[in-house]
Protein backbone atom coordinates (compact mmCIF):
# COMPACT_ATOMS: atom_id res chain seq x y z
CA MET A 1 -2.05 22.88 -12.43
CA PRO A 2 0.33 19.96 -13.03
CA GLN A 3 -1.36 16.76 -14.01
CA GLY A 4 -0.17 13.30 -13.06
CA GLN A 5 0.57 10.53 -15.52
CA ASP A 6 0.53 6.91 -14.48
CA GLY A 7 3.55 5.47 -16.29
CA GLY A 8 2.48 7.56 -18.92
CA SER A 9 24.89 18.77 -10.39
CA GLY A 10 31.86 18.39 -6.24
CA GLY A 11 32.42 20.74 -3.42
CA LYS A 12 33.07 20.54 0.32
CA LYS A 13 33.17 17.02 1.62
CA PRO A 14 30.34 16.54 4.15
CA PRO A 15 31.40 15.75 7.73
CA ALA A 16 31.70 12.09 8.62
CA PRO A 17 28.77 10.74 10.65
CA LEU A 18 29.37 10.56 14.38
CA ARG A 19 28.99 7.37 16.36
CA TYR A 20 28.21 7.11 20.04
CA GLU A 21 26.32 4.89 22.44
CA LEU A 22 22.58 5.33 22.73
CA PRO A 23 21.40 6.24 26.24
CA LYS A 24 19.43 3.83 28.39
CA TRP A 25 15.84 4.69 29.29
CA THR A 26 14.47 3.63 32.64
CA GLY A 27 10.78 4.16 32.14
CA GLY A 28 8.03 6.61 31.22
CA SER A 29 5.60 7.21 28.41
CA ALA A 30 6.41 7.14 24.70
CA ASP A 31 6.38 10.95 24.55
CA GLU A 32 8.70 11.14 27.56
CA LEU A 33 10.95 8.61 25.89
CA SER A 34 11.14 10.69 22.72
CA THR A 35 11.89 13.89 24.66
CA GLY A 36 14.43 12.19 26.91
CA LEU A 37 16.14 10.46 24.03
CA GLY A 38 16.48 13.69 22.05
CA SER A 39 17.98 15.49 25.06
CA ALA A 40 20.39 12.66 25.81
CA LEU A 41 21.48 12.44 22.19
CA ARG A 42 22.17 16.17 22.07
CA GLU A 43 24.26 15.87 25.24
CA GLY A 44 26.18 12.88 23.90
CA ALA A 45 26.78 14.52 20.54
CA GLY A 46 27.90 17.70 22.27
CA LYS A 47 30.56 15.85 24.27
CA LEU A 48 31.95 14.20 21.16
CA LEU A 49 31.95 17.39 19.13
CA GLY A 50 33.53 19.30 22.01
CA SER A 51 36.42 16.85 22.02
CA ALA A 52 36.85 17.65 18.30
CA GLY A 53 37.60 21.29 19.19
CA LEU A 54 34.60 22.95 17.55
CA SER A 55 33.37 26.38 18.71
CA SER A 56 30.41 26.43 21.08
CA SER A 57 27.98 27.68 18.42
CA LYS A 58 29.10 25.16 15.81
CA LEU A 59 29.17 22.47 18.49
CA SER A 60 25.57 23.18 19.44
CA ALA A 61 24.40 23.21 15.81
CA ARG A 62 26.19 19.97 14.95
CA ALA A 63 24.89 18.32 18.11
CA ASP A 64 21.31 19.23 17.18
CA VAL A 65 21.79 17.81 13.68
CA GLU A 66 23.27 14.53 14.94
CA ALA A 67 20.61 14.13 17.62
CA ALA A 68 17.85 14.54 15.05
CA VAL A 69 19.49 12.13 12.59
CA TRP A 70 19.82 9.49 15.31
CA ALA A 71 16.21 9.90 16.35
CA LEU A 72 14.65 9.93 12.88
CA SER A 73 16.77 7.56 10.77
CA PRO A 74 15.07 4.35 12.04
CA ALA A 75 12.01 5.43 10.04
CA PHE A 76 13.65 4.13 6.85
CA GLU A 77 14.73 0.62 5.92
CA LYS A 78 17.31 2.18 3.62
CA LEU A 79 18.44 5.52 2.25
CA SER A 80 20.31 6.27 -0.98
CA HIS A 81 23.21 8.03 0.77
CA ARG A 82 24.58 8.11 4.32
CA ASP A 83 23.96 11.88 4.49
CA ALA A 84 20.46 11.93 2.97
CA LEU A 85 18.67 12.61 6.22
CA ARG A 86 21.58 14.68 7.60
CA TYR A 87 21.25 17.11 4.66
CA ALA A 88 17.52 17.48 5.32
CA VAL A 89 17.96 18.14 9.03
CA ARG A 90 20.82 20.57 8.44
CA ALA A 91 18.80 22.55 5.89
CA TYR A 92 15.77 22.63 8.19
CA LEU A 93 17.73 23.82 11.24
CA ASN A 94 19.72 26.40 9.25
CA PHE A 95 16.54 27.85 7.79
CA ARG A 96 14.82 27.90 11.19
CA GLN A 97 17.76 29.74 12.77
CA ALA A 98 17.93 32.30 9.95
CA ASN A 99 14.17 32.88 9.89
CA PRO A 100 12.82 32.96 13.47
CA GLY A 101 9.06 32.63 13.50
CA ALA A 102 8.77 31.57 9.86
CA LEU A 103 8.08 27.93 10.69
CA LEU A 104 4.60 28.03 12.15
CA ASN A 105 4.36 24.26 12.51
CA PRO A 106 7.06 21.66 13.26
CA TYR A 107 6.63 19.43 10.23
CA LEU A 108 9.30 18.48 7.70
CA PHE A 109 8.24 16.53 4.62
CA PHE A 110 11.26 14.57 3.35
CA VAL A 111 11.74 12.51 0.18
CA ASP A 112 14.86 10.57 -0.83
CA PHE A 113 14.72 10.72 -4.62
CA GLY A 114 17.92 8.67 -4.77
CA LEU A 115 15.60 5.66 -4.48
CA ASN A 116 13.17 4.38 -7.10
CA ASN A 117 9.43 4.93 -7.01
CA LEU A 118 8.70 1.38 -5.82
CA THR A 119 10.45 2.22 -2.54
CA ARG A 120 8.80 3.94 0.38
CA ARG A 121 11.05 6.97 0.20
CA GLY A 122 8.93 9.70 1.82
CA CYS A 123 8.33 10.61 5.45
CA ALA A 124 6.84 13.45 7.49
CA PHE A 125 8.74 14.34 10.66
CA ASP A 126 7.69 16.28 13.73
CA MET A 127 10.92 18.24 14.27
CA GLY A 128 9.77 19.54 17.64
CA ALA A 129 9.38 16.09 19.16
CA LEU A 130 11.94 14.42 16.85
CA LYS A 131 9.57 11.68 15.83
CA VAL A 132 7.84 10.34 12.74
CA ALA A 133 4.48 11.97 12.09
CA ASP A 134 3.67 9.82 9.06
CA GLY A 135 5.49 7.30 6.88
CA PRO A 136 7.45 5.99 5.28
CA PHE A 137 5.38 6.02 2.11
CA THR A 138 5.71 6.08 -1.68
CA VAL A 139 6.03 9.39 -3.56
CA SER A 140 6.06 10.04 -7.31
CA HIS A 141 8.73 11.94 -9.22
CA GLY A 142 8.50 13.84 -12.49
CA TRP A 143 8.69 11.78 -15.66
CA GLY A 144 11.35 14.21 -16.89
CA SER A 145 13.65 12.92 -14.13
CA ALA A 146 13.78 9.27 -15.20
CA SER A 147 13.58 7.67 -18.62
CA GLU A 148 12.13 4.42 -17.27
CA ARG A 149 8.81 4.22 -15.49
CA ASP A 150 10.28 2.53 -12.38
CA GLY A 151 13.82 3.86 -12.63
CA VAL A 152 15.77 5.93 -10.12
CA PRO A 153 15.45 9.63 -11.05
CA ALA A 154 18.79 10.94 -12.31
CA HIS A 155 17.91 14.32 -13.84
CA PHE A 156 16.62 17.26 -11.80
CA SER A 157 15.61 20.66 -13.08
CA ASN A 158 14.22 24.04 -12.06
CA GLU A 159 13.12 24.87 -15.59
CA GLU A 160 9.54 25.23 -16.68
CA GLY A 161 8.55 22.58 -19.20
CA SER A 162 11.16 20.07 -17.96
CA ASP A 163 8.56 17.92 -16.19
CA ALA A 164 11.38 17.06 -13.79
CA THR A 165 11.60 17.01 -10.02
CA SER A 166 13.48 19.83 -8.28
CA LEU A 167 15.74 19.32 -5.26
CA GLY A 168 16.31 21.31 -2.07
CA LEU A 169 14.24 23.09 0.56
CA PHE A 170 10.69 24.33 0.01
CA ALA A 171 8.15 26.24 2.10
CA THR A 172 4.58 25.01 1.99
CA GLY A 173 1.57 27.15 1.08
CA ALA A 174 -0.82 28.65 3.60
CA GLN A 175 -3.61 26.18 2.92
CA THR A 176 -4.65 23.25 0.77
CA PHE A 177 -6.89 23.70 -2.26
CA PRO A 178 -8.92 21.49 -4.65
CA PHE A 179 -6.82 19.80 -7.32
CA GLN A 180 -7.84 18.30 -10.64
CA GLY A 181 -5.50 15.96 -12.48
CA SER A 182 -5.49 13.27 -15.13
CA ALA A 183 -4.10 9.74 -15.18
CA ALA A 184 -4.30 6.71 -17.43
CA THR A 185 -7.59 5.85 -15.72
CA GLY A 186 -9.07 9.27 -16.45
CA SER A 187 -9.47 12.57 -14.63
CA TYR A 188 -9.54 12.74 -10.83
CA GLU A 189 -10.00 15.21 -7.99
CA SER A 190 -7.85 15.51 -4.88
CA ILE A 191 -6.31 18.23 -2.72
CA ALA A 192 -2.98 20.02 -3.19
CA LEU A 193 -0.52 22.22 -1.32
CA GLU A 194 1.74 24.79 -2.99
CA LEU A 195 5.53 24.52 -2.81
CA HIS A 196 7.72 27.64 -2.74
CA GLY A 197 11.38 26.98 -3.54
CA LEU A 198 13.95 28.26 -1.02
CA SER A 199 17.15 26.81 -2.50
CA GLY A 200 17.87 29.52 -5.05
CA ALA A 201 18.53 28.45 -8.63
CA PHE A 202 17.81 24.82 -7.74
CA ASN A 203 14.09 25.31 -7.10
CA ASP A 204 13.08 28.99 -7.05
CA LYS A 205 10.79 28.52 -10.05
CA ALA A 206 8.58 26.06 -8.16
CA HIS A 207 5.69 28.52 -7.95
CA GLU A 208 6.09 29.51 -11.61
CA ARG A 209 6.09 25.80 -12.52
CA ARG A 210 3.05 25.28 -10.31
CA LEU A 211 4.70 22.51 -8.34
CA VAL A 212 2.48 21.17 -5.59
CA LEU A 213 2.16 18.28 -3.20
CA HIS A 214 -1.02 16.44 -4.18
CA GLY A 215 -2.87 13.18 -4.02
CA ALA A 216 -3.11 10.94 -7.11
CA PRO A 217 -4.69 7.55 -7.90
CA TYR A 218 -1.48 6.31 -9.56
CA VAL A 219 0.27 6.30 -6.17
CA THR A 220 -0.34 3.27 -3.95
CA GLU A 221 1.29 1.82 -0.82
CA SER A 222 3.78 -0.10 -2.98
CA ASP A 223 4.12 1.93 -6.17
CA ALA A 224 4.11 5.47 -7.55
CA GLY A 225 3.66 6.51 -11.14
CA ARG A 226 5.25 9.62 -12.61
CA SER A 227 3.93 13.18 -12.63
CA GLU A 228 4.76 16.39 -14.48
CA GLY A 229 7.25 17.28 -11.74
CA SER A 230 5.10 17.49 -8.63
CA PRO A 231 5.45 14.96 -5.79
CA ALA A 232 2.23 12.97 -5.58
CA LEU A 233 1.01 10.83 -2.66
CA GLU A 234 -1.73 8.29 -2.13
CA MET A 235 -5.12 9.99 -2.24
CA LYS A 236 -6.13 9.17 1.35
CA ARG A 237 -2.71 10.06 2.73
CA ALA A 238 -2.75 13.43 0.96
CA LYS A 239 -6.09 14.31 2.54
CA ARG A 240 -4.71 13.45 5.98
CA LEU A 241 -1.17 14.79 5.70
CA LEU A 242 -1.28 17.95 3.56
CA PRO A 243 -3.39 19.99 6.01
CA MET A 244 -0.76 19.20 8.67
CA LEU A 245 2.04 20.49 6.45
CA ALA A 246 0.23 23.67 5.41
CA ASN A 247 0.98 27.14 6.77
CA GLY A 248 4.54 27.08 8.06
CA GLY A 249 5.84 23.62 7.22
CA VAL A 250 8.73 22.78 4.92
CA ALA A 251 9.69 20.06 2.46
CA PHE A 252 13.15 18.79 1.52
CA PHE A 253 13.89 16.71 -1.57
CA PHE A 254 17.22 14.86 -1.69
CA SER A 255 19.21 12.98 -4.30
CA PRO A 256 22.89 11.98 -4.49
CA HIS A 257 22.66 12.02 -8.29
CA ASP A 258 23.07 15.79 -8.70
CA ALA A 259 26.63 16.67 -7.67
CA VAL A 260 26.18 20.42 -8.13
CA TRP A 261 23.13 20.54 -5.88
CA MET A 262 24.85 18.26 -3.34
CA SER A 263 27.74 20.70 -3.00
CA LYS A 264 25.90 24.02 -3.30
CA ASP A 265 22.45 23.91 -1.75
CA PRO A 266 22.40 27.19 0.23
CA TRP A 267 20.59 25.80 3.27
CA VAL A 268 22.54 22.56 3.53
CA HIS A 269 25.83 24.47 3.39
CA ALA A 270 24.86 27.62 5.27
CA SER A 271 27.64 28.68 7.66
């Protein structure tokens, strides 16, 4: 299993983000607000996209993407790229449409690796209710992705032995399992969840590389050390969040610093 260490790739231009007025809400519970807002955003996005002359199927898909982006983007103070969250939502919805019944729970674990590890760059979303399930929070990256301890990761790899983070869409394992790792402070025990790469050559060796989501003591609310490629979370958060993500959830790791992946991820650019 990967052990944590505390310190120690042009193509189609993506569509421009749409802008429209947010609907007014006249009352009701928080859950009703979330449901009503998502429906109203889909309707508003549909009207705008319809005026752009898109087909009904493409109109519906784009409207769903824009509605989700509008609903979920307030979770972050900043993102590394205007399409960071849009790529994640598009990949999620494309995979869900192509694989009916494969997503047994509604959770999407998202990390913007275009930000450094001192930034709260991770979030878990409930894609059914279009709301934040947990986050934002800090997440580690592989030490093979950044030369400096607190730098922005700039190198991503699918190769075993690279100790680098991989980008794209992943399916989660069926259940969590005990995890043993090592850090500058010594060995530790936590829980972990397997990641199975879905984005072809960008991450299909995730299982072979034994990439997992796991808890680690070198990740705190304000900082995250580096791992051997696996995304690590705070210990307490991992114990709470990973069981939610298990058995039918997905993860999506984004970065604007890999132009090839940006232009060719199969789920982001699925027709």
